[in-house]
Amino acid sequence: MLSACVTARGELRDAEGVYGLRRAFRAAGAGSLILSLWRVDDEATHRLMTLLYSDLVAGKAPAAALQGAKQSLRKDPKFSHPVYWASFQYVAGTCVSDEVKKAMSTLQRSHPLDN
């Protein structure tokens, strides 16, 4: 798993979709991805990834492990704001949902941590 910021970003091309790391990993044969839509606080990412890996090792499916990690992080008052956990998206199959495409487009125009 690649743990890095803005891995879901890329250049949106008409009729082609988003060109970026997601497409590159797909072309290389990755079956599923967990991507981030914007830069996330290092401590929050560390906590989320620790929770995620623990659940994966315990046998949970990636989507369920990510959901559980995000829910756990949300319960911590320090990381309850969505900017700390909502960036991470699980992508299975060969396409990105319209919701993720819309979020990526919005975030490319304005980053929440730049203010």
C-alpha atoms as a PDB file:
ATOM      1  CA  MET A   1       0.000   0.000   0.000  1.00  0.00           C
ATOM      2  CA  LEU A   2       1.256   3.443  -0.895  1.00  0.00           C
ATOM      3  CA  SER A   3       0.647   5.927   1.897  1.00  0.00           C
ATOM      4  CA  ALA A   4       1.008   9.380   0.396  1.00  0.00           C
ATOM      5  CA  CYS A   5      -0.996  12.550  -0.003  1.00  0.00           C
ATOM      6  CA  VAL A   6      -3.246  13.400  -2.946  1.00  0.00           C
ATOM      7  CA  THR A   7      -2.777  10.022  -4.623  1.00  0.00           C
ATOM      8  CA  ALA A   8      -6.280  10.275  -6.104  1.00  0.00           C
ATOM      9  CA  ARG A   9      -5.562  13.494  -7.957  1.00  0.00           C
ATOM     10  CA  GLY A  10      -4.762  13.618 -11.585  1.00  0.00           C
ATOM     11  CA  GLU A  11      -5.572  15.374 -14.794  1.00  0.00           C
ATOM     12  CA  LEU A  12      -9.187  14.972 -15.900  1.00  0.00           C
ATOM     13  CA  ARG A  13      -9.389  14.295 -19.655  1.00  0.00           C
ATOM     14  CA  ASP A  14     -12.624  14.246 -21.629  1.00  0.00           C
ATOM     15  CA  ALA A  15     -13.804  10.714 -22.401  1.00  0.00           C
ATOM     16  CA  GLU A  16     -10.652   9.292 -20.799  1.00  0.00           C
ATOM     17  CA  GLY A  17     -11.150   9.890 -17.085  1.00  0.00           C
ATOM     18  CA  VAL A  18      -8.495  10.877 -14.591  1.00  0.00           C
ATOM     19  CA  TYR A  19      -4.829  10.400 -15.489  1.00  0.00           C
ATOM     20  CA  GLY A  20      -2.743   9.953 -12.359  1.00  0.00           C
ATOM     21  CA  LEU A  21      -1.436   7.374  -9.904  1.00  0.00           C
ATOM     22  CA  ARG A  22      -4.767   5.536  -9.853  1.00  0.00           C
ATOM     23  CA  ARG A  23      -4.542   4.870 -13.573  1.00  0.00           C
ATOM     24  CA  ALA A  24      -0.871   3.904 -13.335  1.00  0.00           C
ATOM     25  CA  PHE A  25      -1.515   1.382 -10.563  1.00  0.00           C
ATOM     26  CA  ARG A  26      -4.474  -0.026 -12.509  1.00  0.00           C
ATOM     27  CA  ALA A  27      -2.312  -0.427 -15.604  1.00  0.00           C
ATOM     28  CA  ALA A  28       0.245  -2.238 -13.443  1.00  0.00           C
ATOM     29  CA  GLY A  29      -2.445  -4.679 -12.314  1.00  0.00           C
ATOM     30  CA  ALA A  30      -3.549  -3.385  -8.899  1.00  0.00           C
ATOM     31  CA  GLY A  31      -6.949  -4.842  -8.074  1.00  0.00           C
ATOM     32  CA  SER A  32      -8.038  -2.212  -5.582  1.00  0.00           C
ATOM     33  CA  LEU A  33      -6.675   1.034  -4.203  1.00  0.00           C
ATOM     34  CA  ILE A  34      -7.002   3.263  -1.178  1.00  0.00           C
ATOM     35  CA  LEU A  35      -6.340   6.812  -2.290  1.00  0.00           C
ATOM     36  CA  SER A  36      -6.352  10.249  -0.707  1.00  0.00           C
ATOM     37  CA  LEU A  37      -8.081  13.234  -2.243  1.00  0.00           C
ATOM     38  CA  TRP A  38      -6.106  15.943  -0.423  1.00  0.00           C
ATOM     39  CA  ARG A  39      -3.153  16.420   1.927  1.00  0.00           C
ATOM     40  CA  VAL A  40      -3.863  15.010   5.361  1.00  0.00           C
ATOM     41  CA  ASP A  41      -2.241  15.667   8.714  1.00  0.00           C
ATOM     42  CA  ASP A  42       0.660  13.227   9.311  1.00  0.00           C
ATOM     43  CA  GLU A  43      -0.499  12.189  12.776  1.00  0.00           C
ATOM     44  CA  ALA A  44      -4.051  11.539  11.572  1.00  0.00           C
ATOM     45  CA  THR A  45      -2.746   9.510   8.626  1.00  0.00           C
ATOM     46  CA  HIS A  46      -0.476   7.476  10.890  1.00  0.00           C
ATOM     47  CA  ARG A  47      -3.376   6.667  13.220  1.00  0.00           C
ATOM     48  CA  LEU A  48      -5.701   5.797  10.334  1.00  0.00           C
ATOM     49  CA  MET A  49      -3.128   3.569   8.623  1.00  0.00           C
ATOM     50  CA  THR A  50      -2.322   1.772  11.894  1.00  0.00           C
ATOM     51  CA  LEU A  51      -6.013   1.026  12.421  1.00  0.00           C
ATOM     52  CA  LEU A  52      -6.447   0.038   8.771  1.00  0.00           C
ATOM     53  CA  TYR A  53      -3.495  -2.368   8.749  1.00  0.00           C
ATOM     54  CA  SER A  54      -4.620  -3.957  12.021  1.00  0.00           C
ATOM     55  CA  ASP A  55      -8.021  -4.711  10.528  1.00  0.00           C
ATOM     56  CA  LEU A  56      -6.507  -6.002   7.277  1.00  0.00           C
ATOM     57  CA  VAL A  57      -4.205  -8.352   9.205  1.00  0.00           C
ATOM     58  CA  ALA A  58      -7.244  -9.524  11.191  1.00  0.00           C
ATOM     59  CA  GLY A  59      -8.878 -10.545   7.909  1.00  0.00           C
ATOM     60  CA  LYS A  60     -11.285  -7.693   7.215  1.00  0.00           C
ATOM     61  CA  ALA A  61     -11.954  -6.732   3.615  1.00  0.00           C
ATOM     62  CA  PRO A  62     -10.204  -3.489   2.550  1.00  0.00           C
ATOM     63  CA  ALA A  63     -13.416  -1.448   2.266  1.00  0.00           C
ATOM     64  CA  ALA A  64     -14.596  -2.579   5.723  1.00  0.00           C
ATOM     65  CA  ALA A  65     -11.141  -1.999   7.228  1.00  0.00           C
ATOM     66  CA  LEU A  66     -11.026   1.538   5.845  1.00  0.00           C
ATOM     67  CA  GLN A  67     -14.550   2.283   7.024  1.00  0.00           C
ATOM     68  CA  GLY A  68     -13.707   1.040  10.519  1.00  0.00           C
ATOM     69  CA  ALA A  69     -10.494   3.048  10.656  1.00  0.00           C
ATOM     70  CA  LYS A  70     -12.306   6.212   9.561  1.00  0.00           C
ATOM     71  CA  GLN A  71     -15.044   5.662  12.145  1.00  0.00           C
ATOM     72  CA  SER A  72     -12.469   5.155  14.906  1.00  0.00           C
ATOM     73  CA  LEU A  73     -10.623   8.316  13.921  1.00  0.00           C
ATOM     74  CA  ARG A  74     -13.876  10.296  13.865  1.00  0.00           C
ATOM     75  CA  LYS A  75     -14.497   9.371  17.518  1.00  0.00           C
ATOM     76  CA  ASP A  76     -11.286  11.108  18.605  1.00  0.00           C
ATOM     77  CA  PRO A  77     -12.115  14.794  19.259  1.00  0.00           C
ATOM     78  CA  LYS A  78      -8.706  15.776  17.872  1.00  0.00           C
ATOM     79  CA  PHE A  79      -9.484  14.164  14.508  1.00  0.00           C
ATOM     80  CA  SER A  80     -13.279  14.360  14.325  1.00  0.00           C
ATOM     81  CA  HIS A  81     -13.333  16.960  11.530  1.00  0.00           C
ATOM     82  CA  PRO A  82     -13.698  15.335   8.067  1.00  0.00           C
ATOM     83  CA  VAL A  83     -10.516  17.002   6.824  1.00  0.00           C
ATOM     84  CA  TYR A  84      -8.590  14.391   8.839  1.00  0.00           C
ATOM     85  CA  TRP A  85     -10.312  11.211   7.624  1.00  0.00           C
ATOM     86  CA  ALA A  86     -12.643  11.838   4.664  1.00  0.00           C
ATOM     87  CA  SER A  87      -9.792  12.181   2.179  1.00  0.00           C
ATOM     88  CA  PHE A  88      -9.240   8.428   2.068  1.00  0.00           C
ATOM     89  CA  GLN A  89     -11.277   6.534  -0.521  1.00  0.00           C
ATOM     90  CA  TYR A  90     -11.400   2.845  -1.387  1.00  0.00           C
ATOM     91  CA  VAL A  91     -11.587   2.182  -5.112  1.00  0.00           C
ATOM     92  CA  ALA A  92     -12.383  -1.325  -6.337  1.00  0.00           C
ATOM     93  CA  GLY A  93     -12.835  -2.502  -9.888  1.00  0.00           C
ATOM     94  CA  THR A  94     -11.918  -0.359 -12.852  1.00  0.00           C
ATOM     95  CA  CYS A  95     -13.782   2.896 -12.306  1.00  0.00           C
ATOM     96  CA  VAL A  96     -13.986   5.757  -9.841  1.00  0.00           C
ATOM     97  CA  SER A  97     -17.435   6.752  -8.623  1.00  0.00           C
ATOM     98  CA  ASP A  98     -19.000  10.012  -9.771  1.00  0.00           C
ATOM     99  CA  GLU A  99     -18.870  11.177  -6.137  1.00  0.00           C
ATOM    100  CA  VAL A 100     -15.084  10.747  -6.035  1.00  0.00           C
ATOM    101  CA  LYS A 101     -14.659  12.456  -9.439  1.00  0.00           C
ATOM    102  CA  LYS A 102     -16.710  15.428  -8.238  1.00  0.00           C
ATOM    103  CA  ALA A 103     -14.717  15.661  -5.000  1.00  0.00           C
ATOM    104  CA  MET A 104     -11.411  15.498  -6.886  1.00  0.00           C
ATOM    105  CA  SER A 105     -12.510  18.253  -9.246  1.00  0.00           C
ATOM    106  CA  THR A 106     -13.598  20.464  -6.345  1.00  0.00           C
ATOM    107  CA  LEU A 107     -10.404  19.838  -4.391  1.00  0.00           C
ATOM    108  CA  GLN A 108      -8.168  20.647  -7.339  1.00  0.00           C
ATOM    109  CA  ARG A 109      -9.640  24.155  -7.229  1.00  0.00           C
ATOM    110  CA  SER A 110      -9.432  24.655  -3.446  1.00  0.00           C
ATOM    111  CA  HIS A 111      -7.495  22.694  -0.844  1.00  0.00           C
ATOM    112  CA  PRO A 112      -8.972  22.731   2.714  1.00  0.00           C
ATOM    113  CA  LEU A 113      -5.598  22.895   4.485  1.00  0.00           C
ATOM    114  CA  ASP A 114      -4.241  25.790   2.387  1.00  0.00           C
ATOM    115  CA  ASN A 115      -6.309  28.370   4.279  1.00  0.00           C
END
